[in-house]
Amino acid sequence: MVSPLVVLSARIGPLTPFETGIADRVPCRVELRPLGSREEIVANAAGARVVILGAVEPFDAAVFPFLPDLRMVARRGVGVDNVDLAAAAAHGVTVTNVTDATVDEVSDHALAMLVALLRGVPAAHDAALRDRVDLARAAVDRSRPLGRTVLAVLGGGRIGRRLVAKAAGLFREVLVVDPFVTAVDGARVVPLAEALAVADAVSVHTPLTPATRGLLDAAALAAARPGLVVVNAARAGVVDEDALEKAARAGVVAGVGLDVTTDEQRWHSVITDGFTNVILTAHTGGRGALAQENLRRRCAEQVTDFLLGHKPDGVVESAGDGAG
């Protein structure tokens, strides 16, 4: 009998003892293969019983018919918007994710960006590099103490709640926007329009779903309080970046922090053109000294349990808690 094949996406490789260790507990082959496109998935995941992937490999409805041996897709991370869950279920494929391995890292990352942007640190840093002390002072002079500002957290999932817990003692008030949540310790749950009308900063922690795509669009930003700071450490599609760029250039938005973006180059241009209160972090919010080890270990445990015939933890029943 041929041993089951476990394929790890080369984009999130290399193989480590966590992945190769799966074969120490259950007879299988563990291989690293490119899965960056539908064509690569069809060619390189052929024959795989399990695929371990990251945030961008396109496991949509088009690929599943070509993978008749596939029984599990293990997302080494939180968001599963790159996996068609309905198609996976129709083909008898179990989908798992690791929901809490990077909760502290992402919430810390978002909070760091929020504080820096509200204080005007990136703009002051840029001015100092150009020996423009006047501009550095102006950037900071516009700031107010955190204790007099209001933070709106979009998404009341694990990461959103952890951010609330960390921010509640820093901000005058913390609001949460989430239609599926009725109460969050340390915050008031309010509709989006109410939050934007009073918030000095918004931090995005929702999954990317049809309902949340473009949640922060031109209309929402136009209705927001002038001088808003926008931070997104969830999924790029939740924020309409065309609208966000226009709002930044118009002075409606005072600061932008993006761990995820659909087009990073546009923000290079925005910074070059003089809007310098911007932080770009290249989707590193979930990284840290312990985070990657935890992700690898937890994901490998899920795969091992599945191959041993047990139900792994982290089985995704729906789009659910996605990025937050």
Protein backbone atom coordinates (compact mmCIF):
# COMPACT_ATOMS: atom_id res chain seq x y z
CA MET A 1 0.00 0.00 0.00
CA VAL A 2 1.31 3.45 -0.95
CA SER A 3 1.79 5.77 2.02
CA PRO A 4 -0.41 8.88 2.11
CA LEU A 5 1.18 11.99 0.64
CA VAL A 6 1.27 15.24 2.64
CA VAL A 7 2.21 18.30 0.58
CA LEU A 8 3.43 21.55 2.14
CA SER A 9 3.17 24.68 0.02
CA ALA A 10 6.69 25.80 -0.91
CA ARG A 11 5.66 29.40 -0.25
CA ILE A 12 5.45 28.69 3.50
CA GLY A 13 8.33 26.17 3.56
CA PRO A 14 10.95 24.88 4.11
CA LEU A 15 10.17 21.59 5.76
CA THR A 16 11.00 21.61 9.47
CA PRO A 17 10.97 18.85 12.09
CA PHE A 18 7.34 19.71 12.80
CA GLU A 19 6.30 18.69 9.27
CA THR A 20 8.70 15.79 8.81
CA GLY A 21 7.76 14.64 12.31
CA ILE A 22 4.27 13.80 11.03
CA ALA A 23 5.83 10.74 9.36
CA ASP A 24 7.33 9.66 12.69
CA ARG A 25 3.84 9.11 14.09
CA VAL A 26 1.99 7.84 11.05
CA PRO A 27 3.37 6.25 7.87
CA CYS A 28 3.26 8.92 5.17
CA ARG A 29 5.39 10.97 2.81
CA VAL A 30 5.85 14.67 3.47
CA GLU A 31 7.01 16.79 0.53
CA LEU A 32 7.50 20.46 -0.29
CA ARG A 33 5.92 21.54 -3.60
CA PRO A 34 4.98 24.82 -5.35
CA LEU A 35 1.26 25.59 -4.96
CA GLY A 36 1.20 29.26 -5.88
CA SER A 37 -1.34 29.05 -8.72
CA ARG A 38 -4.27 26.88 -9.74
CA GLU A 39 -2.09 25.23 -12.37
CA GLU A 40 0.60 24.43 -9.81
CA ILE A 41 -1.99 23.10 -7.36
CA VAL A 42 -3.49 20.77 -9.97
CA ALA A 43 -0.04 19.56 -11.05
CA ASN A 44 1.74 19.35 -7.71
CA ALA A 45 -1.03 18.43 -5.28
CA ALA A 46 -2.15 15.52 -7.43
CA GLY A 47 -2.19 12.39 -5.29
CA ALA A 48 -1.97 14.31 -2.01
CA ARG A 49 -4.11 13.16 0.90
CA VAL A 50 -3.33 16.35 2.84
CA VAL A 51 -2.22 19.81 1.75
CA ILE A 52 -0.77 22.36 4.16
CA LEU A 53 -1.07 25.89 2.83
CA GLY A 54 -0.75 29.57 3.68
CA ALA A 55 -2.94 32.60 3.12
CA VAL A 56 -2.88 33.00 -0.67
CA GLU A 57 -2.80 29.61 -2.40
CA PRO A 58 -6.03 29.63 -4.47
CA PHE A 59 -7.92 26.54 -3.35
CA ASP A 60 -11.18 27.47 -5.05
CA ALA A 61 -13.91 25.33 -6.58
CA ALA A 62 -11.94 24.90 -9.81
CA VAL A 63 -9.14 22.83 -8.28
CA PHE A 64 -11.00 20.28 -6.17
CA PRO A 65 -12.25 18.09 -9.07
CA PHE A 66 -8.61 17.53 -10.06
CA LEU A 67 -7.61 16.31 -6.61
CA PRO A 68 -9.67 13.14 -6.03
CA ASP A 69 -7.31 11.82 -3.33
CA LEU A 70 -7.42 15.02 -1.25
CA ARG A 71 -9.10 14.62 2.11
CA MET A 72 -7.72 17.50 4.17
CA VAL A 73 -6.63 21.09 3.65
CA ALA A 74 -4.72 22.42 6.65
CA ARG A 75 -4.47 26.21 6.70
CA ARG A 76 -1.36 27.16 8.68
CA GLY A 77 -2.89 30.36 9.99
CA VAL A 78 -6.28 31.85 10.76
CA GLY A 79 -8.05 33.22 7.69
CA VAL A 80 -9.49 30.70 5.24
CA ASP A 81 -10.77 33.10 2.57
CA ASN A 82 -8.47 31.46 -0.03
CA VAL A 83 -10.26 28.12 0.41
CA ASP A 84 -13.72 27.51 -1.05
CA LEU A 85 -15.30 25.86 1.98
CA ALA A 86 -18.46 24.81 0.15
CA ALA A 87 -16.45 23.12 -2.60
CA ALA A 88 -14.25 21.43 -0.02
CA ALA A 89 -17.30 20.06 1.78
CA ALA A 90 -18.86 18.89 -1.50
CA HIS A 91 -15.71 16.90 -2.25
CA GLY A 92 -15.43 15.44 1.23
CA VAL A 93 -12.41 17.53 2.20
CA THR A 94 -11.91 18.59 5.81
CA VAL A 95 -10.54 22.12 6.28
CA THR A 96 -8.71 23.17 9.43
CA ASN A 97 -7.10 26.37 10.63
CA VAL A 98 -5.07 27.45 13.65
CA THR A 99 -7.29 30.00 15.28
CA ASP A 100 -5.32 31.24 18.28
CA ALA A 101 -1.60 30.71 17.69
CA THR A 102 -0.94 34.35 16.76
CA VAL A 103 -3.65 36.21 18.67
CA ASP A 104 -1.16 38.06 20.87
CA GLU A 105 1.21 38.88 18.02
CA VAL A 106 -1.46 40.37 15.73
CA SER A 107 -3.16 42.33 18.50
CA ASP A 108 0.23 43.64 19.69
CA HIS A 109 1.09 44.60 16.12
CA ALA A 110 -2.18 46.46 15.62
CA LEU A 111 -1.82 48.29 18.92
CA ALA A 112 1.75 49.31 18.08
CA MET A 113 0.63 50.80 14.77
CA LEU A 114 -2.32 52.57 16.38
CA VAL A 115 -0.23 54.25 19.06
CA ALA A 116 2.52 55.25 16.61
CA LEU A 117 0.09 56.72 14.09
CA LEU A 118 -2.03 58.58 16.64
CA ARG A 119 1.16 60.12 18.00
CA GLY A 120 2.41 60.98 14.50
CA VAL A 121 5.61 58.96 14.92
CA PRO A 122 6.05 57.85 11.28
CA ALA A 123 5.60 61.41 10.00
CA ALA A 124 7.97 62.79 12.64
CA HIS A 125 10.52 60.10 11.79
CA ASP A 126 10.36 60.95 8.10
CA ALA A 127 10.75 64.66 8.84
CA ALA A 128 13.72 64.04 11.13
CA LEU A 129 15.48 62.04 8.42
CA ARG A 130 15.12 65.11 6.18
CA ASP A 131 16.34 67.48 8.90
CA ARG A 132 12.89 69.10 9.02
CA VAL A 133 12.44 69.63 12.73
CA ASP A 134 9.53 71.97 12.01
CA LEU A 135 7.60 69.19 10.25
CA ALA A 136 8.48 66.68 12.96
CA ARG A 137 7.10 69.00 15.61
CA ALA A 138 4.00 69.70 13.54
CA ALA A 139 3.31 65.99 13.14
CA VAL A 140 3.39 65.40 16.89
CA ASP A 141 1.67 68.68 17.80
CA ARG A 142 -1.48 67.41 16.08
CA SER A 143 -1.69 64.41 18.43
CA ARG A 144 -3.79 64.06 21.56
CA PRO A 145 -3.22 61.83 24.60
CA LEU A 146 -4.54 58.31 24.09
CA GLY A 147 -6.70 58.78 27.17
CA ARG A 148 -8.72 61.32 25.23
CA THR A 149 -9.21 59.27 22.09
CA VAL A 150 -11.76 56.67 20.99
CA LEU A 151 -10.79 53.38 19.32
CA ALA A 152 -13.19 51.38 17.14
CA VAL A 153 -12.36 47.70 16.65
CA LEU A 154 -14.03 46.13 13.62
CA GLY A 155 -14.49 42.48 14.47
CA GLY A 156 -15.20 40.89 17.84
CA GLY A 157 -13.38 37.61 17.30
CA ARG A 158 -10.33 36.35 19.19
CA ILE A 159 -7.90 38.99 17.93
CA GLY A 160 -10.39 41.83 18.20
CA ARG A 161 -11.22 40.89 21.77
CA ARG A 162 -7.56 40.58 22.71
CA LEU A 163 -6.91 44.04 21.29
CA VAL A 164 -9.82 45.41 23.31
CA ALA A 165 -8.36 43.91 26.49
CA LYS A 166 -5.00 45.58 25.79
CA ALA A 167 -6.44 48.91 24.66
CA ALA A 168 -9.19 49.39 27.23
CA GLY A 169 -6.83 50.95 29.77
CA LEU A 170 -5.18 53.24 27.22
CA PHE A 171 -8.07 54.83 25.33
CA ARG A 172 -10.93 56.95 26.61
CA GLU A 173 -13.34 54.45 25.11
CA VAL A 174 -13.18 51.32 22.97
CA LEU A 175 -16.02 50.40 20.62
CA VAL A 176 -16.58 47.09 18.83
CA VAL A 177 -18.41 46.68 15.54
CA ASP A 178 -19.59 43.13 14.86
CA PRO A 179 -23.13 42.07 13.87
CA PHE A 180 -22.60 38.63 15.44
CA VAL A 181 -21.47 39.89 18.85
CA THR A 182 -23.66 41.40 21.56
CA ALA A 183 -21.12 42.11 24.30
CA VAL A 184 -17.34 42.43 24.71
CA ASP A 185 -15.65 43.05 28.03
CA GLY A 186 -14.07 46.49 28.09
CA ALA A 187 -15.98 47.86 25.11
CA ARG A 188 -19.38 48.92 23.83
CA VAL A 189 -20.78 47.07 20.81
CA VAL A 190 -22.23 49.58 18.34
CA PRO A 191 -23.14 49.78 14.63
CA LEU A 192 -20.44 50.82 12.18
CA ALA A 193 -21.94 54.26 11.49
CA GLU A 194 -22.07 55.11 15.20
CA ALA A 195 -18.48 53.99 15.71
CA LEU A 196 -17.12 55.98 12.78
CA ALA A 197 -18.94 59.12 13.88
CA VAL A 198 -16.93 59.30 17.12
CA ALA A 199 -13.78 57.19 16.62
CA ASP A 200 -10.32 58.70 16.37
CA ALA A 201 -8.91 55.37 15.15
CA VAL A 202 -10.20 52.17 13.58
CA SER A 203 -8.49 48.79 13.73
CA VAL A 204 -9.76 46.09 11.34
CA HIS A 205 -9.98 42.48 12.58
CA THR A 206 -12.79 40.92 10.58
CA PRO A 207 -12.58 37.92 8.25
CA LEU A 208 -12.89 38.61 4.54
CA THR A 209 -16.35 37.50 3.47
CA PRO A 210 -18.85 38.83 0.91
CA ALA A 211 -20.42 40.84 3.74
CA THR A 212 -17.14 42.43 4.88
CA ARG A 213 -15.46 43.04 1.52
CA GLY A 214 -15.12 46.81 1.17
CA LEU A 215 -16.59 47.36 4.64
CA LEU A 216 -14.51 50.52 4.97
CA ASP A 217 -15.45 52.10 1.65
CA ALA A 218 -15.74 55.66 0.39
CA ALA A 219 -19.14 56.20 2.03
CA ALA A 220 -17.94 54.90 5.39
CA LEU A 221 -14.80 57.04 5.32
CA ALA A 222 -16.77 60.10 4.26
CA ALA A 223 -19.02 59.64 7.29
CA ALA A 224 -16.08 59.18 9.66
CA ARG A 225 -14.74 61.77 12.04
CA PRO A 226 -12.05 63.90 10.29
CA GLY A 227 -8.51 62.94 11.26
CA LEU A 228 -9.26 59.22 11.50
CA VAL A 229 -6.39 56.73 11.80
CA VAL A 230 -7.00 53.45 9.95
CA VAL A 231 -5.14 50.22 10.76
CA ASN A 232 -5.72 46.92 8.97
CA ALA A 233 -4.09 43.75 10.28
CA ALA A 234 -6.76 41.39 8.94
CA ARG A 235 -7.40 41.06 5.20
CA ALA A 236 -6.73 43.67 2.55
CA GLY A 237 -10.13 43.39 0.88
CA VAL A 238 -11.99 44.60 3.97
CA VAL A 239 -10.72 48.12 3.25
CA ASP A 240 -11.37 49.86 -0.07
CA GLU A 241 -7.83 51.10 -0.65
CA ASP A 242 -8.82 53.39 -3.52
CA ALA A 243 -11.14 55.19 -1.13
CA LEU A 244 -8.58 55.10 1.68
CA GLU A 245 -5.89 56.64 -0.53
CA LYS A 246 -8.23 59.42 -1.63
CA ALA A 247 -9.22 60.11 1.97
CA ALA A 248 -5.56 60.24 3.02
CA ARG A 249 -4.60 62.58 0.21
CA ALA A 250 -7.60 64.79 1.04
CA GLY A 251 -6.62 64.99 4.70
CA VAL A 252 -9.75 63.23 5.90
CA VAL A 253 -7.66 60.32 7.15
CA ALA A 254 -4.66 61.32 9.29
CA GLY A 255 -2.80 58.03 9.48
CA VAL A 256 -2.70 54.66 7.70
CA GLY A 257 -1.26 51.42 9.05
CA LEU A 258 -1.43 48.41 6.75
CA ASP A 259 -0.09 44.98 7.57
CA VAL A 260 -2.04 43.77 4.53
CA THR A 261 -2.57 45.66 1.29
CA THR A 262 -3.75 44.96 -2.23
CA ASP A 263 -1.13 47.30 -3.69
CA GLU A 264 1.79 48.33 -1.52
CA GLN A 265 3.37 50.41 -4.29
CA ARG A 266 0.48 52.88 -4.19
CA TRP A 267 1.40 53.72 -0.60
CA HIS A 268 5.02 54.24 -1.56
CA SER A 269 3.70 56.92 -3.92
CA VAL A 270 1.47 58.41 -1.23
CA ILE A 271 4.45 58.69 1.13
CA THR A 272 6.63 60.19 -1.61
CA ASP A 273 3.92 62.76 -2.30
CA GLY A 274 4.08 63.98 1.29
CA PHE A 275 1.54 61.96 3.28
CA THR A 276 4.10 60.36 5.56
CA ASN A 277 2.04 59.17 8.53
CA VAL A 278 1.96 55.68 7.04
CA ILE A 279 3.16 52.30 8.34
CA LEU A 280 3.54 49.31 5.99
CA THR A 281 4.59 45.99 7.52
CA ALA A 282 4.30 43.41 4.70
CA HIS A 283 1.94 40.95 6.44
CA THR A 284 4.25 40.36 9.40
CA GLY A 285 1.65 40.95 12.10
CA GLY A 286 1.34 37.27 12.94
CA ARG A 287 5.06 36.69 13.21
CA GLY A 288 7.20 36.60 16.34
CA ALA A 289 9.67 34.57 18.34
CA LEU A 290 7.03 32.01 19.32
CA ALA A 291 4.29 32.48 16.74
CA GLN A 292 5.78 30.56 13.82
CA GLU A 293 6.82 27.66 16.01
CA ASN A 294 3.31 27.49 17.47
CA LEU A 295 1.72 27.61 14.03
CA ARG A 296 3.91 24.81 12.67
CA ARG A 297 3.43 22.63 15.73
CA ARG A 298 -0.34 23.07 15.92
CA CYS A 299 -0.82 22.53 12.19
CA ALA A 300 1.34 19.38 12.24
CA GLU A 301 -0.67 18.05 15.18
CA GLN A 302 -3.89 18.59 13.23
CA VAL A 303 -2.55 16.69 10.23
CA THR A 304 -1.24 13.86 12.41
CA ASP A 305 -4.57 13.50 14.21
CA PHE A 306 -6.42 13.42 10.91
CA LEU A 307 -4.17 10.74 9.41
CA LEU A 308 -4.56 8.67 12.58
CA GLY A 309 -8.34 8.75 12.10
CA HIS A 310 -9.11 11.30 14.82
CA LYS A 311 -11.02 14.54 14.39
CA PRO A 312 -8.42 17.32 14.53
CA ASP A 313 -9.04 20.54 16.38
CA GLY A 314 -9.60 23.65 14.32
CA VAL A 315 -12.05 22.12 11.85
CA VAL A 316 -13.67 25.00 9.95
CA GLU A 317 -17.42 24.53 9.63
CA SER A 318 -18.02 27.86 7.88
CA ALA A 319 -16.27 31.15 7.05
CA GLY A 320 -16.79 31.97 10.72
CA ASP A 321 -14.11 33.77 12.69
CA GLY A 322 -11.76 34.17 9.73
CA ALA A 323 -9.14 36.78 10.36
CA GLY A 324 -10.19 37.85 13.78
